[in-house]
Structure formats: C-alpha cells, structure tokens
Amino acid sequence: MAEMTWQAEVKGLMYRYGIMNKDIAERLGLSEGYVAKLFTGKYEVKDGEDRIRTAVDDIIRERSIANAEG
C-alpha cells in the first residue's frame, strides 16, 4: 500500500473541517494559486509543508473554539 503524501493528508483534514485553499492563503498572506501549487507539488518551499499544516491546525482550533462557544 502506498504511503499517503502530506498533501493528501492535509487535504483530507481540510475536507473534514470545511477549510478551503482561500482560508489557508489568507492565513499565510499568499495567493490561492500559490497555495494550490504547493499542494500539487509544482512549487516546493523549504517550510511550505510546516506552514500549511500549522495554518490548517490553527483554523481547526479556532473553529472548534467558536463552535464550543456558540
């Protein structure tokens, strides 16, 4: 069985929590197109994976808190 790429793992989390490329782009101050290219592997940035994972984790955490309070 093939190992899941970090992109597929993060996309799965994004789907589960309703996170769009736009949300990550806004969080990181990047364009949606740039974020999409990071996911497809067209761009490889030294800390790209870490930055995207952190952004997704932060968004999930914020939404969980907002849901708990609302």
PDB file of N, CA and C in Angstrom:
ATOM      1  N   MET A   1       0.836  -1.172   0.000  1.00  0.00           N
ATOM      2  CA  MET A   1       0.000   0.000   0.000  1.00  0.00           C
ATOM      3  C   MET A   1       0.887   1.243   0.000  1.00  0.00           C
ATOM      4  N   ALA A   2       0.562   2.213  -0.833  1.00  0.00           N
ATOM      5  CA  ALA A   2       1.362   3.421  -0.955  1.00  0.00           C
ATOM      6  C   ALA A   2       1.152   4.321   0.259  1.00  0.00           C
ATOM      7  N   GLU A   3       2.224   4.971   0.648  1.00  0.00           N
ATOM      8  CA  GLU A   3       2.146   5.906   1.766  1.00  0.00           C
ATOM      9  C   GLU A   3       1.458   7.188   1.327  1.00  0.00           C
ATOM     10  N   MET A   4       0.632   7.742   2.182  1.00  0.00           N
ATOM     11  CA  MET A   4      -0.097   8.968   1.864  1.00  0.00           C
ATOM     12  C   MET A   4       0.865  10.153   1.899  1.00  0.00           C
ATOM     13  N   THR A   5       0.743  11.035   0.920  1.00  0.00           N
ATOM     14  CA  THR A   5       1.569  12.234   0.911  1.00  0.00           C
ATOM     15  C   THR A   5       1.040  13.225   1.939  1.00  0.00           C
ATOM     16  N   TRP A   6       1.886  14.162   2.320  1.00  0.00           N
ATOM     17  CA  TRP A   6       1.435  15.181   3.271  1.00  0.00           C
ATOM     18  C   TRP A   6       0.293  15.986   2.668  1.00  0.00           C
ATOM     19  N   GLN A   7       0.354  16.203   1.346  1.00  0.00           N
ATOM     20  CA  GLN A   7      -0.705  16.972   0.689  1.00  0.00           C
ATOM     21  C   GLN A   7      -2.047  16.268   0.822  1.00  0.00           C
ATOM     22  N   ALA A   8      -2.065  14.956   0.590  1.00  0.00           N
ATOM     23  CA  ALA A   8      -3.314  14.189   0.693  1.00  0.00           C
ATOM     24  C   ALA A   8      -3.825  14.170   2.126  1.00  0.00           C
ATOM     25  N   GLU A   9      -2.926  14.046   3.069  1.00  0.00           N
ATOM     26  CA  GLU A   9      -3.314  14.037   4.481  1.00  0.00           C
ATOM     27  C   GLU A   9      -3.952  15.373   4.870  1.00  0.00           C
ATOM     28  N   VAL A  10      -3.313  16.472   4.471  1.00  0.00           N
ATOM     29  CA  VAL A  10      -3.828  17.799   4.813  1.00  0.00           C
ATOM     30  C   VAL A  10      -5.132  18.073   4.071  1.00  0.00           C
ATOM     31  N   LYS A  11      -5.219  17.680   2.814  1.00  0.00           N
ATOM     32  CA  LYS A  11      -6.464  17.874   2.058  1.00  0.00           C
ATOM     33  C   LYS A  11      -7.618  17.125   2.723  1.00  0.00           C
ATOM     34  N   GLY A  12      -7.341  15.950   3.275  1.00  0.00           N
ATOM     35  CA  GLY A  12      -8.368  15.199   3.991  1.00  0.00           C
ATOM     36  C   GLY A  12      -8.879  15.963   5.205  1.00  0.00           C
ATOM     37  N   LEU A  13      -7.957  16.563   5.954  1.00  0.00           N
ATOM     38  CA  LEU A  13      -8.355  17.384   7.095  1.00  0.00           C
ATOM     39  C   LEU A  13      -9.161  18.601   6.633  1.00  0.00           C
ATOM     40  N   MET A  14      -8.711  19.203   5.550  1.00  0.00           N
ATOM     41  CA  MET A  14      -9.411  20.379   5.024  1.00  0.00           C
ATOM     42  C   MET A  14     -10.841  20.018   4.642  1.00  0.00           C
ATOM     43  N   TYR A  15     -11.015  18.890   3.986  1.00  0.00           N
ATOM     44  CA  TYR A  15     -12.348  18.440   3.591  1.00  0.00           C
ATOM     45  C   TYR A  15     -13.219  18.212   4.830  1.00  0.00           C
ATOM     46  N   ARG A  16     -12.642  17.525   5.792  1.00  0.00           N
ATOM     47  CA  ARG A  16     -13.385  17.185   7.011  1.00  0.00           C
ATOM     48  C   ARG A  16     -13.857  18.428   7.768  1.00  0.00           C
ATOM     49  N   TYR A  17     -13.033  19.471   7.774  1.00  0.00           N
ATOM     50  CA  TYR A  17     -13.349  20.666   8.550  1.00  0.00           C
ATOM     51  C   TYR A  17     -13.811  21.851   7.695  1.00  0.00           C
ATOM     52  N   GLY A  18     -14.035  21.622   6.409  1.00  0.00           N
ATOM     53  CA  GLY A  18     -14.554  22.671   5.538  1.00  0.00           C
ATOM     54  C   GLY A  18     -13.586  23.811   5.289  1.00  0.00           C
ATOM     55  N   ILE A  19     -12.304  23.499   5.239  1.00  0.00           N
ATOM     56  CA  ILE A  19     -11.279  24.522   5.014  1.00  0.00           C
ATOM     57  C   ILE A  19     -10.955  24.569   3.523  1.00  0.00           C
ATOM     58  N   MET A  20     -10.904  25.769   2.989  1.00  0.00           N
ATOM     59  CA  MET A  20     -10.619  25.967   1.569  1.00  0.00           C
ATOM     60  C   MET A  20      -9.199  26.513   1.399  1.00  0.00           C
ATOM     61  N   ASN A  21      -8.665  26.370   0.174  1.00  0.00           N
ATOM     62  CA  ASN A  21      -7.358  26.956  -0.125  1.00  0.00           C
ATOM     63  C   ASN A  21      -7.358  28.449   0.206  1.00  0.00           C
ATOM     64  N   LYS A  22      -8.490  29.097  -0.016  1.00  0.00           N
ATOM     65  CA  LYS A  22      -8.628  30.525   0.257  1.00  0.00           C
ATOM     66  C   LYS A  22      -8.351  30.828   1.729  1.00  0.00           C
ATOM     67  N   ASP A  23      -8.841  29.967   2.619  1.00  0.00           N
ATOM     68  CA  ASP A  23      -8.627  30.161   4.053  1.00  0.00           C
ATOM     69  C   ASP A  23      -7.140  30.099   4.400  1.00  0.00           C
ATOM     70  N   ILE A  24      -6.460  29.137   3.812  1.00  0.00           N
ATOM     71  CA  ILE A  24      -5.024  28.987   4.066  1.00  0.00           C
ATOM     72  C   ILE A  24      -4.263  30.160   3.467  1.00  0.00           C
ATOM     73  N   ALA A  25      -4.632  30.546   2.262  1.00  0.00           N
ATOM     74  CA  ALA A  25      -3.968  31.667   1.596  1.00  0.00           C
ATOM     75  C   ALA A  25      -4.090  32.942   2.427  1.00  0.00           C
ATOM     76  N   GLU A  26      -5.291  33.211   2.917  1.00  0.00           N
ATOM     77  CA  GLU A  26      -5.499  34.402   3.744  1.00  0.00           C
ATOM     78  C   GLU A  26      -4.670  34.331   5.022  1.00  0.00           C
ATOM     79  N   ARG A  27      -4.637  33.169   5.627  1.00  0.00           N
ATOM     80  CA  ARG A  27      -3.890  32.981   6.877  1.00  0.00           C
ATOM     81  C   ARG A  27      -2.394  33.234   6.675  1.00  0.00           C
ATOM     82  N   LEU A  28      -1.874  32.780   5.520  1.00  0.00           N
ATOM     83  CA  LEU A  28      -0.442  32.867   5.271  1.00  0.00           C
ATOM     84  C   LEU A  28      -0.032  34.088   4.448  1.00  0.00           C
ATOM     85  N   GLY A  29      -1.011  34.869   3.993  1.00  0.00           N
ATOM     86  CA  GLY A  29      -0.687  36.033   3.182  1.00  0.00           C
ATOM     87  C   GLY A  29      -0.196  35.661   1.790  1.00  0.00           C
ATOM     88  N   LEU A  30      -0.748  34.580   1.247  1.00  0.00           N
ATOM     89  CA  LEU A  30      -0.372  34.090  -0.077  1.00  0.00           C
ATOM     90  C   LEU A  30      -1.581  34.107  -0.989  1.00  0.00           C
ATOM     91  N   SER A  31      -1.353  33.928  -2.278  1.00  0.00           N
ATOM     92  CA  SER A  31      -2.486  33.817  -3.204  1.00  0.00           C
ATOM     93  C   SER A  31      -3.021  32.384  -3.171  1.00  0.00           C
ATOM     94  N   GLU A  32      -4.285  32.249  -3.547  1.00  0.00           N
ATOM     95  CA  GLU A  32      -4.879  30.907  -3.632  1.00  0.00           C
ATOM     96  C   GLU A  32      -4.131  30.047  -4.643  1.00  0.00           C
ATOM     97  N   GLY A  33      -3.721  30.661  -5.738  1.00  0.00           N
ATOM     98  CA  GLY A  33      -2.991  29.927  -6.773  1.00  0.00           C
ATOM     99  C   GLY A  33      -1.677  29.374  -6.263  1.00  0.00           C
ATOM    100  N   TYR A  34      -0.985  30.163  -5.469  1.00  0.00           N
ATOM    101  CA  TYR A  34       0.287  29.716  -4.909  1.00  0.00           C
ATOM    102  C   TYR A  34       0.067  28.530  -3.973  1.00  0.00           C
ATOM    103  N   VAL A  35      -0.959  28.632  -3.131  1.00  0.00           N
ATOM    104  CA  VAL A  35      -1.275  27.532  -2.211  1.00  0.00           C
ATOM    105  C   VAL A  35      -1.616  26.276  -3.001  1.00  0.00           C
ATOM    106  N   ALA A  36      -2.397  26.427  -4.059  1.00  0.00           N
ATOM    107  CA  ALA A  36      -2.756  25.280  -4.900  1.00  0.00           C
ATOM    108  C   ALA A  36      -1.511  24.630  -5.490  1.00  0.00           C
ATOM    109  N   LYS A  37      -0.548  25.428  -5.895  1.00  0.00           N
ATOM    110  CA  LYS A  37       0.683  24.878  -6.481  1.00  0.00           C
ATOM    111  C   LYS A  37       1.534  24.181  -5.431  1.00  0.00           C
ATOM    112  N   LEU A  38       1.475  24.642  -4.193  1.00  0.00           N
ATOM    113  CA  LEU A  38       2.171  23.924  -3.122  1.00  0.00           C
ATOM    114  C   LEU A  38       1.555  22.535  -2.935  1.00  0.00           C
ATOM    115  N   PHE A  39       0.232  22.471  -3.025  1.00  0.00           N
ATOM    116  CA  PHE A  39      -0.448  21.183  -2.858  1.00  0.00           C
ATOM    117  C   PHE A  39      -0.179  20.230  -4.017  1.00  0.00           C
ATOM    118  N   THR A  40      -0.067  20.750  -5.220  1.00  0.00           N
ATOM    119  CA  THR A  40       0.170  19.874  -6.366  1.00  0.00           C
ATOM    120  C   THR A  40       1.642  19.510  -6.527  1.00  0.00           C
ATOM    121  N   GLY A  41       2.508  20.183  -5.770  1.00  0.00           N
ATOM    122  CA  GLY A  41       3.934  19.914  -5.869  1.00  0.00           C
ATOM    123  C   GLY A  41       4.628  20.715  -6.949  1.00  0.00           C
ATOM    124  N   LYS A  42       3.908  21.627  -7.606  1.00  0.00           N
ATOM    125  CA  LYS A  42       4.536  22.461  -8.639  1.00  0.00           C
ATOM    126  C   LYS A  42       5.532  23.426  -8.025  1.00  0.00           C
ATOM    127  N   TYR A  43       5.269  23.833  -6.782  1.00  0.00           N
ATOM    128  CA  TYR A  43       6.208  24.641  -6.020  1.00  0.00           C
ATOM    129  C   TYR A  43       6.591  23.845  -4.794  1.00  0.00           C
ATOM    130  N   GLU A  44       7.868  23.843  -4.506  1.00  0.00           N
ATOM    131  CA  GLU A  44       8.334  23.231  -3.263  1.00  0.00           C
ATOM    132  C   GLU A  44       9.117  24.289  -2.510  1.00  0.00           C
ATOM    133  N   VAL A  45       8.643  24.593  -1.334  1.00  0.00           N
ATOM    134  CA  VAL A  45       9.265  25.601  -0.495  1.00  0.00           C
ATOM    135  C   VAL A  45       9.774  24.898   0.745  1.00  0.00           C
ATOM    136  N   LYS A  46      10.929  25.310   1.204  1.00  0.00           N
ATOM    137  CA  LYS A  46      11.582  24.651   2.333  1.00  0.00           C
ATOM    138  C   LYS A  46      10.637  24.397   3.508  1.00  0.00           C
ATOM    139  N   ASP A  47       9.879  25.387   3.909  1.00  0.00           N
ATOM    140  CA  ASP A  47       8.997  25.211   5.064  1.00  0.00           C
ATOM    141  C   ASP A  47       7.522  25.223   4.670  1.00  0.00           C
ATOM    142  N   GLY A  48       7.231  24.987   3.407  1.00  0.00           N
ATOM    143  CA  GLY A  48       5.861  25.036   2.917  1.00  0.00           C
ATOM    144  C   GLY A  48       4.930  24.068   3.620  1.00  0.00           C
ATOM    145  N   GLU A  49       5.369  22.833   3.770  1.00  0.00           N
ATOM    146  CA  GLU A  49       4.534  21.842   4.449  1.00  0.00           C
ATOM    147  C   GLU A  49       4.241  22.257   5.884  1.00  0.00           C
ATOM    148  N   ASP A  50       5.254  22.678   6.609  1.00  0.00           N
ATOM    149  CA  ASP A  50       5.061  23.074   8.007  1.00  0.00           C
ATOM    150  C   ASP A  50       4.123  24.266   8.125  1.00  0.00           C
ATOM    151  N   ARG A  51       4.284  25.244   7.239  1.00  0.00           N
ATOM    152  CA  ARG A  51       3.437  26.440   7.296  1.00  0.00           C
ATOM    153  C   ARG A  51       1.976  26.094   7.005  1.00  0.00           C
ATOM    154  N   ILE A  52       1.760  25.230   6.019  1.00  0.00           N
ATOM    155  CA  ILE A  52       0.385  24.855   5.681  1.00  0.00           C
ATOM    156  C   ILE A  52      -0.229  24.016   6.793  1.00  0.00           C
ATOM    157  N   ARG A  53       0.510  23.055   7.327  1.00  0.00           N
ATOM    158  CA  ARG A  53      -0.011  22.236   8.427  1.00  0.00           C
ATOM    159  C   ARG A  53      -0.374  23.110   9.633  1.00  0.00           C
ATOM    160  N   THR A  54       0.488  24.073   9.950  1.00  0.00           N
ATOM    161  CA  THR A  54       0.221  24.971  11.076  1.00  0.00           C
ATOM    162  C   THR A  54      -1.023  25.801  10.817  1.00  0.00           C
ATOM    163  N   ALA A  55      -1.161  26.320   9.601  1.00  0.00           N
ATOM    164  CA  ALA A  55      -2.342  27.119   9.259  1.00  0.00           C
ATOM    165  C   ALA A  55      -3.616  26.294   9.399  1.00  0.00           C
ATOM    166  N   VAL A  56      -3.595  25.067   8.892  1.00  0.00           N
ATOM    167  CA  VAL A  56      -4.771  24.196   8.978  1.00  0.00           C
ATOM    168  C   VAL A  56      -5.082  23.877  10.436  1.00  0.00           C
ATOM    169  N   ASP A  57      -4.070  23.546  11.215  1.00  0.00           N
ATOM    170  CA  ASP A  57      -4.278  23.258  12.639  1.00  0.00           C
ATOM    171  C   ASP A  57      -4.873  24.464  13.362  1.00  0.00           C
ATOM    172  N   ASP A  58      -4.357  25.661  13.064  1.00  0.00           N
ATOM    173  CA  ASP A  58      -4.863  26.883  13.697  1.00  0.00           C
ATOM    174  C   ASP A  58      -6.321  27.137  13.329  1.00  0.00           C
ATOM    175  N   ILE A  59      -6.657  26.946  12.071  1.00  0.00           N
ATOM    176  CA  ILE A  59      -8.033  27.165  11.620  1.00  0.00           C
ATOM    177  C   ILE A  59      -8.975  26.166  12.299  1.00  0.00           C
ATOM    178  N   ILE A  60      -8.569  24.905  12.362  1.00  0.00           N
ATOM    179  CA  ILE A  60      -9.386  23.885  13.023  1.00  0.00           C
ATOM    180  C   ILE A  60      -9.597  24.252  14.492  1.00  0.00           C
ATOM    181  N   ARG A  61      -8.527  24.657  15.152  1.00  0.00           N
ATOM    182  CA  ARG A  61      -8.609  25.023  16.572  1.00  0.00           C
ATOM    183  C   ARG A  61      -9.553  26.208  16.770  1.00  0.00           C
ATOM    184  N   GLU A  62      -9.415  27.237  15.947  1.00  0.00           N
ATOM    185  CA  GLU A  62     -10.272  28.421  16.064  1.00  0.00           C
ATOM    186  C   GLU A  62     -11.742  28.080  15.820  1.00  0.00           C
ATOM    187  N   ARG A  63     -11.986  27.254  14.828  1.00  0.00           N
ATOM    188  CA  ARG A  63     -13.382  26.881  14.532  1.00  0.00           C
ATOM    189  C   ARG A  63     -13.961  26.014  15.637  1.00  0.00           C
ATOM    190  N   SER A  64     -13.140  25.161  16.216  1.00  0.00           N
ATOM    191  CA  SER A  64     -13.614  24.315  17.329  1.00  0.00           C
ATOM    192  C   SER A  64     -13.980  25.168  18.531  1.00  0.00           C
ATOM    193  N   ILE A  65     -13.173  26.172  18.821  1.00  0.00           N
ATOM    194  CA  ILE A  65     -13.457  27.072  19.937  1.00  0.00           C
ATOM    195  C   ILE A  65     -14.716  27.869  19.658  1.00  0.00           C
ATOM    196  N   ALA A  66     -14.835  28.382  18.447  1.00  0.00           N
ATOM    197  CA  ALA A  66     -16.016  29.165  18.090  1.00  0.00           C
ATOM    198  C   ALA A  66     -17.287  28.324  18.183  1.00  0.00           C
ATOM    199  N   ASN A  67     -17.225  27.064  17.741  1.00  0.00           N
ATOM    200  CA  ASN A  67     -18.377  26.174  17.819  1.00  0.00           C
ATOM    201  C   ASN A  67     -18.740  25.844  19.254  1.00  0.00           C
ATOM    202  N   ALA A  68     -17.727  25.706  20.111  1.00  0.00           N
ATOM    203  CA  ALA A  68     -17.975  25.388  21.513  1.00  0.00           C
ATOM    204  C   ALA A  68     -18.613  26.575  22.240  1.00  0.00           C
ATOM    205  N   GLU A  69     -18.220  27.773  21.818  1.00  0.00           N
ATOM    206  CA  GLU A  69     -18.759  28.981  22.457  1.00  0.00           C
ATOM    207  C   GLU A  69     -20.142  29.351  21.916  1.00  0.00           C
ATOM    208  N   GLY A  70     -20.416  28.944  20.661  1.00  0.00           N
ATOM    209  CA  GLY A  70     -21.669  29.361  20.015  1.00  0.00           C
ATOM    210  C   GLY A  70     -22.724  28.396  20.202  1.00  0.00           C
TER     211      GLY A  70
END
